């Protein structure tokens, strides 16, 4: 089975701002969201994630080393990143 999970919430998500390639951490809500993932997803055999911090933080809750794949990096919004 293939499960695809988006990274948990960041402050930019909460504020409705485009984050694109900005390397932002999860906020407190995001850390709680990520912590709940293993019980929702169950056991996994392989973990692939973006190199961005928020994706790596979300992936870390599974207790295994993820395969970092740059192809999962978010879209670059250029000068719009960080704006609503």
Protein backbone atom coordinates (compact mmCIF):
# COMPACT_ATOMS: atom_id res chain seq x y z
CA UNK A 1 0.00 0.00 0.00
CA UNK A 2 1.18 3.52 -0.77
CA UNK A 3 0.37 6.27 1.74
CA UNK A 4 1.12 9.89 0.93
CA UNK A 5 1.15 12.33 3.83
CA UNK A 6 1.67 16.06 3.56
CA UNK A 7 3.95 17.71 6.11
CA UNK A 8 2.29 18.96 9.28
CA UNK A 9 1.49 22.63 9.94
CA UNK A 10 3.99 25.47 10.02
CA UNK A 11 3.46 29.05 11.13
CA UNK A 12 3.23 30.03 7.45
CA UNK A 13 0.42 27.50 6.89
CA UNK A 14 -1.44 28.93 9.86
CA UNK A 15 -1.05 32.44 8.47
CA UNK A 16 -2.12 31.52 4.94
CA UNK A 17 1.29 32.37 3.50
CA UNK A 18 3.00 30.63 0.58
CA UNK A 19 6.06 28.84 1.85
CA UNK A 20 7.27 27.00 -1.24
CA UNK A 21 10.98 26.38 -0.77
CA UNK A 22 11.31 28.39 2.46
CA UNK A 23 12.81 25.95 4.95
CA UNK A 24 10.41 26.49 7.84
CA UNK A 25 9.96 24.31 10.94
CA UNK A 26 6.70 22.86 12.21
CA UNK A 27 4.85 24.97 14.76
CA UNK A 28 3.42 23.54 18.01
CA UNK A 29 0.22 22.42 16.28
CA UNK A 30 2.28 20.83 13.52
CA UNK A 31 4.41 18.91 16.01
CA UNK A 32 1.22 17.52 17.59
CA UNK A 33 -0.19 16.66 14.16
CA UNK A 34 3.00 14.84 13.22
CA UNK A 35 3.05 12.94 16.52
CA UNK A 36 -0.41 11.54 15.71
CA UNK A 37 0.61 10.19 12.29
CA UNK A 38 2.05 6.77 13.25
CA UNK A 39 -1.21 5.71 14.87
CA UNK A 40 -3.14 6.87 11.78
CA UNK A 41 -0.83 5.45 9.11
CA UNK A 42 0.35 2.29 10.86
CA UNK A 43 3.53 0.33 10.13
CA UNK A 44 5.61 1.37 7.16
CA UNK A 45 8.45 -0.30 5.26
CA UNK A 46 9.97 2.72 3.55
CA UNK A 47 9.86 6.46 4.09
CA UNK A 48 10.61 9.07 1.42
CA UNK A 49 10.49 12.80 2.06
CA UNK A 50 11.52 16.21 0.81
CA UNK A 51 14.78 17.67 2.12
CA UNK A 52 12.85 20.59 3.65
CA UNK A 53 12.89 20.80 7.45
CA UNK A 54 9.10 20.61 7.86
CA UNK A 55 8.97 17.37 5.85
CA UNK A 56 11.90 15.85 7.74
CA UNK A 57 10.33 16.80 11.09
CA UNK A 58 7.06 15.19 10.04
CA UNK A 59 8.87 12.06 8.83
CA UNK A 60 10.91 11.77 12.03
CA UNK A 61 7.92 10.58 14.06
CA UNK A 62 8.09 7.19 12.33
CA UNK A 63 11.43 6.41 14.00
CA UNK A 64 13.25 5.42 10.83
CA UNK A 65 15.70 7.19 8.56
CA UNK A 66 13.86 8.61 5.52
CA UNK A 67 15.14 8.53 1.97
CA UNK A 68 15.54 12.23 1.15
CA UNK A 69 14.37 12.93 -2.40
CA UNK A 70 14.62 16.43 -3.83
CA UNK A 71 11.82 15.64 -6.30
CA UNK A 72 9.35 15.94 -3.38
CA UNK A 73 10.44 19.54 -2.65
CA UNK A 74 7.61 22.06 -2.92
CA UNK A 75 7.19 24.47 -5.82
CA UNK A 76 9.40 27.56 -5.78
CA UNK A 77 7.15 30.64 -5.73
CA UNK A 78 10.11 33.03 -6.00
CA UNK A 79 9.40 36.51 -4.60
CA UNK A 80 5.89 35.42 -3.53
CA UNK A 81 7.23 33.05 -0.90
CA UNK A 82 6.30 34.20 2.57
CA UNK A 83 3.38 36.30 1.30
CA UNK A 84 -0.37 35.68 1.44
